Amino acid sequence: MSEKKQGSPRANKHVKLYIPGPTEVRPEVLDAQTDWMIGHRMPECLELIGRIRPKLGHVFMTKNRVLISASTGTGFMEAAIRNTAVKKVLNCVNGAFSDRWRVITEACGRENEVLNVEWGQPIMPEEVAKRLAHGGFDAITVAHNETSTGVTNPIEAIAQVVRQAPNGDEIMILVDAVSSLAGVAIPFEDWDLDVLLTSSQKAFALPAGLAFAAVSDRAMAKAKTVPGRGWYFDFLTLEKYLLRNQTPATTAVSLLYALDKQLDDMMAEGMENRYARHLAMRDRTIEWAQSRGLTLFAPEGYRSPTVTCISNDHNFDIPALNAFLREKGMIISNGYGALKGKNFRIAHMGDLQMEDMEELFAAIDEFLAN
């Protein structure tokens, strides 16, 4: 790694991120951003996007289009609603980020019903089926991995009951996989999803600023019938440019360099190996927590491969713990929103390795011993 000038961000003390986003980014990925700037219409940029597209498709497990946006995943959440929902949306809410779908749906002026589930519990397919049985829906929103609680929802089973509902083939299945995709397999086509979106700053282990969305042919056909889709997030406009290896507006070229580098490294690791590493780190985190007399917030069978939410059973001072960890060059997350102080979250996603987790656990043990 090249030397950095004093005063630059990289010259400051490094704090290793065990938070559920933004996640730790390797120096070589950061350095990839420093390549020479190019114009977004230049052949070099078209070649760059052309290299990226098939690799993104491999991660999304799809031969369909994967749209690219200079935004975060929230941008594609709004895009999914604006492009595919006209009648009524079923918002499945079991945490803060699945509730963001509800907020966006209502902000876009779409009629909606909310399936509310207690935070820390999964969205169950039978509850979805009951709601959809009344008819009138043309979209459903679900968070695959609820970042605020460490719960993974059973998307495959939910998708199956959606397709069995009245007019199920016409219901758009919109899935937020912001904190899971690239850390866990989500077969877009095999599960018959319509929009599967994520951000660069989570399991992709990239800087924040890019978002990706696989979009089905069904969703693209629906978008053609929806008025008022806007422009920046219009699926039809995004695909029109994507087919030329371009984006409609100036894109974040430096982030694309980092993405290209990271995708190459992910392919070299092998996606199955990457998924197995995430599960191994998750299982070790659970083992560590339980061996310290701590309980998991998510029920067994629905525990996230990328972020573990641990109940603060011993009522220790989480801000004090993080202050201690910062002195050792690392940080975890407090509970989110109403859960602040009641639990804490340890992320094990992206490019973190088992030795990183062991370093963290040793530091927390030192704090607890004192």
Protein backbone atom coordinates (compact mmCIF):
# COMPACT_ATOMS: atom_id res chain seq x y z
CA MET A 1 0.00 0.00 0.00
CA SER A 2 1.34 3.41 -0.94
CA GLU A 3 2.27 5.92 1.75
CA LYS A 4 -0.42 8.47 2.61
CA LYS A 5 0.25 12.11 3.40
CA GLN A 6 -0.10 13.23 7.00
CA GLY A 7 -3.52 14.79 7.51
CA SER A 8 -5.24 12.59 4.96
CA PRO A 9 -8.08 10.37 6.20
CA ARG A 10 -5.92 7.25 5.79
CA ALA A 11 -3.27 8.79 8.07
CA ASN A 12 -5.78 8.92 10.93
CA LYS A 13 -6.22 6.10 13.42
CA HIS A 14 -8.08 3.25 11.78
CA VAL A 15 -11.30 2.15 13.50
CA LYS A 16 -12.30 -1.30 12.25
CA LEU A 17 -16.02 -1.40 11.56
CA TYR A 18 -18.09 -4.19 13.08
CA ILE A 19 -21.25 -2.16 12.47
CA PRO A 20 -23.96 -3.21 9.99
CA GLY A 21 -22.94 -0.60 7.47
CA PRO A 22 -20.95 1.12 6.26
CA THR A 23 -18.66 -1.85 6.59
CA GLU A 24 -14.90 -2.27 6.59
CA VAL A 25 -13.31 -1.61 3.17
CA ARG A 26 -9.94 -3.17 2.35
CA PRO A 27 -7.06 -0.78 1.44
CA GLU A 28 -6.69 -2.25 -2.05
CA VAL A 29 -10.37 -1.57 -2.75
CA LEU A 30 -10.03 1.98 -1.45
CA ASP A 31 -6.95 2.44 -3.63
CA ALA A 32 -8.84 1.29 -6.73
CA GLN A 33 -10.81 4.55 -6.52
CA THR A 34 -7.69 6.57 -7.22
CA ASP A 35 -7.39 5.57 -10.87
CA TRP A 36 -7.52 8.41 -13.40
CA MET A 37 -10.93 10.05 -13.81
CA ILE A 38 -12.75 9.33 -17.06
CA GLY A 39 -15.88 10.75 -18.62
CA HIS A 40 -19.02 8.69 -18.13
CA ARG A 41 -19.59 8.63 -21.91
CA MET A 42 -16.00 7.72 -22.79
CA PRO A 43 -15.22 4.24 -24.18
CA GLU A 44 -13.20 3.47 -21.06
CA CYS A 45 -16.27 3.91 -18.86
CA LEU A 46 -18.43 1.82 -21.19
CA GLU A 47 -15.80 -0.93 -20.99
CA LEU A 48 -15.77 -0.62 -17.19
CA ILE A 49 -19.54 -1.03 -16.88
CA GLY A 50 -19.40 -3.81 -19.47
CA ARG A 51 -16.96 -5.71 -17.23
CA ILE A 52 -19.07 -5.10 -14.15
CA ARG A 53 -22.46 -6.21 -15.49
CA PRO A 54 -21.93 -9.99 -15.83
CA LYS A 55 -20.19 -10.14 -12.46
CA LEU A 56 -23.11 -8.35 -10.81
CA GLY A 57 -25.47 -10.80 -12.47
CA HIS A 58 -23.50 -13.65 -10.94
CA VAL A 59 -23.86 -12.17 -7.44
CA PHE A 60 -27.60 -11.57 -7.95
CA MET A 61 -27.92 -15.08 -9.43
CA THR A 62 -29.77 -13.75 -12.46
CA LYS A 63 -29.51 -13.44 -16.21
CA ASN A 64 -31.89 -10.49 -15.99
CA ARG A 65 -30.82 -6.86 -15.89
CA VAL A 66 -29.12 -5.48 -12.77
CA LEU A 67 -29.59 -1.72 -12.70
CA ILE A 68 -26.88 0.54 -11.26
CA SER A 69 -27.51 3.85 -9.52
CA ALA A 70 -25.37 6.49 -7.85
CA SER A 71 -27.47 6.40 -4.69
CA THR A 72 -28.03 4.16 -1.70
CA GLY A 73 -30.48 1.27 -1.57
CA THR A 74 -33.19 3.62 -0.33
CA GLY A 75 -33.21 5.20 -3.78
CA PHE A 76 -34.10 1.88 -5.38
CA MET A 77 -36.72 1.28 -2.67
CA GLU A 78 -38.47 4.42 -3.87
CA ALA A 79 -37.87 3.41 -7.49
CA ALA A 80 -39.49 0.02 -6.91
CA ILE A 81 -42.66 1.66 -5.57
CA ARG A 82 -42.80 4.39 -8.22
CA ASN A 83 -42.26 1.93 -11.08
CA THR A 84 -44.41 -1.03 -10.07
CA ALA A 85 -47.16 -0.13 -7.57
CA VAL A 86 -50.48 1.34 -8.65
CA LYS A 87 -53.31 -0.35 -6.73
CA LYS A 88 -52.35 -1.29 -3.18
CA VAL A 89 -49.11 -2.32 -1.47
CA LEU A 90 -48.74 -4.77 1.41
CA ASN A 91 -45.88 -3.46 3.55
CA CYS A 92 -44.47 -6.24 5.76
CA VAL A 93 -42.92 -4.55 8.80
CA ASN A 94 -40.84 -6.23 11.51
CA GLY A 95 -38.18 -3.59 12.15
CA ALA A 96 -36.95 -0.12 11.31
CA PHE A 97 -35.84 -0.75 7.73
CA SER A 98 -38.85 -2.76 6.63
CA ASP A 99 -40.88 0.15 8.03
CA ARG A 100 -38.96 2.44 5.67
CA TRP A 101 -40.79 0.67 2.83
CA ARG A 102 -44.05 1.79 4.47
CA VAL A 103 -42.84 5.37 4.80
CA ILE A 104 -41.74 5.43 1.14
CA THR A 105 -44.98 3.84 -0.06
CA GLU A 106 -47.05 6.46 1.72
CA ALA A 107 -44.73 9.30 0.64
CA CYS A 108 -45.25 8.21 -2.97
CA GLY A 109 -49.01 8.46 -2.46
CA ARG A 110 -49.71 4.74 -2.89
CA GLU A 111 -52.52 3.01 -1.01
CA ASN A 112 -51.17 0.45 1.44
CA GLU A 113 -51.89 -2.01 4.21
CA VAL A 114 -49.32 -2.82 6.87
CA LEU A 115 -48.59 -6.29 8.21
CA ASN A 116 -46.98 -5.44 11.53
CA VAL A 117 -44.93 -8.09 13.33
CA GLU A 118 -43.17 -7.67 16.67
CA TRP A 119 -39.57 -6.52 16.28
CA GLY A 120 -37.28 -9.52 16.59
CA GLN A 121 -39.76 -11.90 14.96
CA PRO A 122 -39.88 -12.95 11.29
CA ILE A 123 -42.58 -12.28 8.72
CA MET A 124 -44.34 -15.62 8.37
CA PRO A 125 -45.73 -16.76 5.00
CA GLU A 126 -49.12 -17.77 6.41
CA GLU A 127 -49.70 -14.24 7.70
CA VAL A 128 -48.85 -12.85 4.27
CA ALA A 129 -51.25 -15.32 2.65
CA LYS A 130 -54.09 -14.19 4.95
CA ARG A 131 -53.63 -10.55 3.99
CA LEU A 132 -53.31 -11.21 0.27
CA ALA A 133 -56.42 -13.43 0.25
CA HIS A 134 -58.60 -10.31 0.34
CA GLY A 135 -57.27 -9.30 -3.10
CA GLY A 136 -56.63 -5.85 -4.52
CA PHE A 137 -52.86 -5.84 -4.06
CA ASP A 138 -50.35 -5.33 -6.85
CA ALA A 139 -47.14 -5.19 -4.75
CA ILE A 140 -45.63 -6.49 -1.52
CA THR A 141 -42.54 -5.16 0.24
CA VAL A 142 -40.29 -7.24 2.52
CA ALA A 143 -36.84 -6.77 4.02
CA HIS A 144 -34.85 -9.94 3.49
CA ASN A 145 -32.48 -9.08 6.32
CA GLU A 146 -33.89 -6.67 8.91
CA THR A 147 -30.74 -4.81 9.92
CA SER A 148 -32.26 -3.35 13.09
CA THR A 149 -33.04 -6.74 14.65
CA GLY A 150 -30.79 -9.34 13.00
CA VAL A 151 -33.80 -11.26 11.67
CA THR A 152 -33.74 -12.88 8.23
CA ASN A 153 -37.20 -13.25 6.71
CA PRO A 154 -38.09 -16.42 4.72
CA ILE A 155 -38.32 -14.75 1.33
CA GLU A 156 -38.54 -17.94 -0.71
CA ALA A 157 -41.57 -19.18 1.24
CA ILE A 158 -43.17 -15.73 1.21
CA ALA A 159 -42.74 -15.52 -2.56
CA GLN A 160 -44.44 -18.89 -2.96
CA VAL A 161 -47.57 -17.80 -1.09
CA VAL A 162 -47.65 -14.54 -3.04
CA ARG A 163 -47.80 -16.44 -6.32
CA GLN A 164 -50.63 -18.60 -4.91
CA ALA A 165 -52.70 -15.54 -3.90
CA PRO A 166 -55.53 -14.06 -6.00
CA ASN A 167 -53.86 -12.53 -9.09
CA GLY A 168 -50.57 -13.63 -7.56
CA ASP A 169 -48.79 -13.58 -10.91
CA GLU A 170 -49.48 -9.85 -11.10
CA ILE A 171 -48.22 -8.96 -7.61
CA MET A 172 -44.77 -7.37 -7.60
CA ILE A 173 -42.46 -8.91 -4.98
CA LEU A 174 -40.13 -6.11 -3.85
CA VAL A 175 -37.25 -7.19 -1.62
CA ASP A 176 -34.75 -5.08 0.31
CA ALA A 177 -31.54 -7.12 0.58
CA VAL A 178 -29.37 -4.15 1.55
CA SER A 179 -27.63 -5.87 4.47
CA SER A 180 -27.57 -9.42 3.09
CA LEU A 181 -26.87 -9.68 -0.65
CA ALA A 182 -23.27 -10.73 -1.36
CA GLY A 183 -23.18 -12.33 2.09
CA VAL A 184 -25.91 -14.88 1.47
CA ALA A 185 -27.31 -16.54 -1.65
CA ILE A 186 -30.60 -15.05 -2.92
CA PRO A 187 -31.62 -16.80 -6.16
CA PHE A 188 -33.51 -13.97 -7.86
CA GLU A 189 -35.01 -16.01 -10.67
CA ASP A 190 -35.50 -19.30 -8.83
CA TRP A 191 -37.49 -17.48 -6.12
CA ASP A 192 -39.46 -15.56 -8.79
CA LEU A 193 -38.79 -12.12 -7.32
CA ASP A 194 -39.48 -8.85 -9.13
CA VAL A 195 -37.14 -6.29 -7.58
CA LEU A 196 -34.15 -7.28 -5.45
CA LEU A 197 -32.09 -4.31 -4.32
CA THR A 198 -28.98 -3.65 -2.28
CA SER A 199 -26.32 -1.05 -1.49
CA SER A 200 -22.55 -1.02 -1.92
CA GLN A 201 -21.68 -0.30 1.72
CA LYS A 202 -22.85 -3.53 3.36
CA ALA A 203 -21.89 -7.10 2.42
CA PHE A 204 -20.28 -5.85 -0.81
CA ALA A 205 -17.68 -4.18 1.47
CA LEU A 206 -17.43 -1.07 -0.68
CA PRO A 207 -17.66 2.63 0.09
CA ALA A 208 -21.21 3.99 0.25
CA GLY A 209 -22.69 5.60 -2.83
CA LEU A 210 -23.81 2.87 -5.24
CA ALA A 211 -27.00 0.83 -5.35
CA PHE A 212 -27.93 -2.19 -7.46
CA ALA A 213 -31.29 -3.72 -8.33
CA ALA A 214 -32.20 -6.86 -10.24
CA VAL A 215 -35.51 -6.25 -12.01
CA SER A 216 -37.69 -8.95 -13.56
CA ASP A 217 -39.27 -8.83 -17.02
CA ARG A 218 -42.63 -8.79 -15.21
CA ALA A 219 -41.67 -5.64 -13.33
CA MET A 220 -40.32 -3.96 -16.47
CA ALA A 221 -43.58 -4.70 -18.30
CA LYS A 222 -45.54 -3.26 -15.36
CA ALA A 223 -43.40 -0.12 -15.34
CA LYS A 224 -44.44 0.61 -18.92
CA THR A 225 -48.03 0.98 -17.70
CA VAL A 226 -47.27 3.17 -14.66
CA PRO A 227 -47.50 6.96 -15.10
CA GLY A 228 -45.38 9.40 -13.11
CA ARG A 229 -42.35 7.16 -12.63
CA GLY A 230 -40.05 10.16 -12.46
CA TRP A 231 -36.79 10.22 -14.40
CA TYR A 232 -33.69 9.54 -12.25
CA PHE A 233 -35.08 6.22 -11.00
CA ASP A 234 -37.22 5.31 -14.02
CA PHE A 235 -36.58 1.62 -14.72
CA LEU A 236 -37.14 2.07 -18.45
CA THR A 237 -34.64 4.92 -18.71
CA LEU A 238 -32.10 3.07 -16.57
CA GLU A 239 -32.35 -0.03 -18.74
CA LYS A 240 -32.17 1.96 -21.97
CA TYR A 241 -28.77 3.28 -20.93
CA LEU A 242 -27.65 0.04 -19.27
CA LEU A 243 -27.97 -1.77 -22.60
CA ARG A 244 -25.28 0.63 -23.87
CA ASN A 245 -23.16 0.07 -20.73
CA GLN A 246 -24.06 3.55 -19.54
CA THR A 247 -26.11 5.31 -16.88
CA PRO A 248 -28.57 8.12 -17.69
CA ALA A 249 -26.71 10.73 -15.63
CA THR A 250 -23.09 11.12 -14.58
CA THR A 251 -22.23 8.14 -12.44
CA ALA A 252 -19.79 7.70 -9.56
CA VAL A 253 -16.85 6.58 -11.70
CA SER A 254 -14.40 6.16 -8.81
CA LEU A 255 -16.85 3.87 -7.02
CA LEU A 256 -17.23 1.81 -10.20
CA TYR A 257 -13.45 1.24 -10.19
CA ALA A 258 -13.74 -0.04 -6.62
CA LEU A 259 -16.75 -2.19 -7.55
CA ASP A 260 -14.90 -3.76 -10.47
CA LYS A 261 -11.94 -4.60 -8.23
CA GLN A 262 -14.14 -5.98 -5.46
CA LEU A 263 -16.22 -8.12 -7.82
CA ASP A 264 -13.00 -9.65 -9.20
CA ASP A 265 -11.92 -10.49 -5.64
CA MET A 266 -15.35 -11.91 -4.81
CA MET A 267 -15.22 -14.12 -7.89
CA ALA A 268 -11.73 -15.26 -6.87
CA GLU A 269 -12.93 -16.15 -3.38
CA GLY A 270 -15.95 -17.93 -4.86
CA MET A 271 -19.47 -16.96 -3.86
CA GLU A 272 -20.16 -20.27 -2.12
CA ASN A 273 -17.00 -19.81 -0.07
CA ARG A 274 -18.07 -16.26 0.72
CA TYR A 275 -21.48 -17.44 1.92
CA ALA A 276 -19.89 -20.18 4.03
CA ARG A 277 -17.51 -17.65 5.62
CA HIS A 278 -20.43 -15.43 6.60
CA LEU A 279 -22.29 -18.36 8.17
CA ALA A 280 -19.18 -19.47 10.05
CA MET A 281 -18.67 -15.96 11.48
CA ARG A 282 -22.37 -15.80 12.40
CA ASP A 283 -22.21 -19.14 14.19
CA ARG A 284 -19.05 -18.16 16.06
CA THR A 285 -20.68 -14.88 17.15
CA ILE A 286 -23.71 -16.77 18.46
CA GLU A 287 -21.44 -19.25 20.25
CA TRP A 288 -19.47 -16.42 21.87
CA ALA A 289 -22.63 -14.59 23.01
CA GLN A 290 -24.31 -17.65 24.46
CA SER A 291 -21.15 -18.75 26.26
CA ARG A 292 -21.17 -15.35 28.01
CA GLY A 293 -24.75 -15.84 29.22
CA LEU A 294 -26.22 -13.55 26.57
CA THR A 295 -29.32 -14.30 24.52
CA LEU A 296 -30.00 -13.66 20.84
CA PHE A 297 -32.73 -11.23 19.84
CA ALA A 298 -33.69 -13.20 16.71
CA PRO A 299 -35.24 -16.67 17.09
CA GLU A 300 -33.36 -19.76 15.99
CA GLY A 301 -33.84 -20.48 12.31
CA TYR A 302 -34.17 -16.79 11.43
CA ARG A 303 -30.78 -15.44 12.55
CA SER A 304 -29.00 -13.24 10.06
CA PRO A 305 -25.79 -14.45 8.37
CA THR A 306 -24.49 -10.86 8.34
CA VAL A 307 -25.46 -9.14 11.61
CA THR A 308 -26.20 -10.58 15.05
CA CYS A 309 -28.41 -8.69 17.48
CA ILE A 310 -27.59 -9.61 21.10
CA SER A 311 -29.83 -8.80 24.06
CA ASN A 312 -28.16 -6.73 26.76
CA ASP A 313 -29.06 -9.25 29.47
CA HIS A 314 -26.41 -8.03 31.91
CA ASN A 315 -27.32 -4.37 31.40
CA PHE A 316 -23.80 -3.20 30.76
CA ASP A 317 -23.02 0.26 29.43
CA ILE A 318 -22.90 -0.06 25.63
CA PRO A 319 -21.53 3.47 25.01
CA ALA A 320 -18.76 2.72 27.53
CA LEU A 321 -18.06 -0.56 25.75
CA ASN A 322 -17.73 1.27 22.45
CA ALA A 323 -15.49 3.91 23.99
CA PHE A 324 -13.24 1.07 25.21
CA LEU A 325 -13.33 -0.63 21.81
CA ARG A 326 -12.47 2.62 20.03
CA GLU A 327 -9.26 2.83 22.02
CA LYS A 328 -8.42 -0.57 20.53
CA GLY A 329 -9.36 0.56 17.02
CA MET A 330 -12.77 -1.08 16.59
CA ILE A 331 -16.47 -0.35 17.02
CA ILE A 332 -19.82 -2.19 17.20
CA SER A 333 -23.42 -0.88 17.06
CA ASN A 334 -25.83 -0.09 19.82
CA GLY A 335 -29.43 -1.24 19.48
CA TYR A 336 -31.45 0.62 16.85
CA GLY A 337 -34.14 3.16 17.76
CA ALA A 338 -36.35 1.90 20.59
CA LEU A 339 -33.89 -0.98 21.12
CA LYS A 340 -31.00 1.33 22.00
CA GLY A 341 -29.40 0.12 25.22
CA LYS A 342 -31.58 -2.98 25.23
CA ASN A 343 -29.36 -4.84 22.81
CA PHE A 344 -26.29 -4.38 20.65
CA ARG A 345 -25.39 -5.48 17.14
CA ILE A 346 -22.24 -7.11 15.84
CA ALA A 347 -21.82 -7.20 12.07
CA HIS A 348 -19.89 -10.06 10.47
CA MET A 349 -20.24 -9.13 6.84
CA GLY A 350 -18.25 -8.15 3.81
CA ASP A 351 -14.54 -8.95 3.93
CA LEU A 352 -14.22 -9.55 7.67
CA GLN A 353 -12.49 -12.81 8.53
CA MET A 354 -12.71 -15.15 11.52
CA GLU A 355 -9.53 -13.68 13.00
CA ASP A 356 -11.19 -10.26 12.98
CA MET A 357 -14.10 -11.66 14.97
CA GLU A 358 -11.77 -13.29 17.49
CA GLU A 359 -9.95 -9.98 17.95
CA LEU A 360 -13.28 -8.28 18.70
CA PHE A 361 -14.47 -10.95 21.13
CA ALA A 362 -11.19 -10.82 23.04
CA ALA A 363 -11.55 -7.04 23.39
CA ILE A 364 -15.17 -7.27 24.60
CA ASP A 365 -14.17 -9.97 27.08
CA GLU A 366 -11.47 -7.67 28.42
CA PHE A 367 -14.05 -4.91 28.92
CA LEU A 368 -16.49 -7.27 30.65
CA ALA A 369 -13.75 -8.63 32.93
CA ASN A 370 -13.03 -5.11 34.16
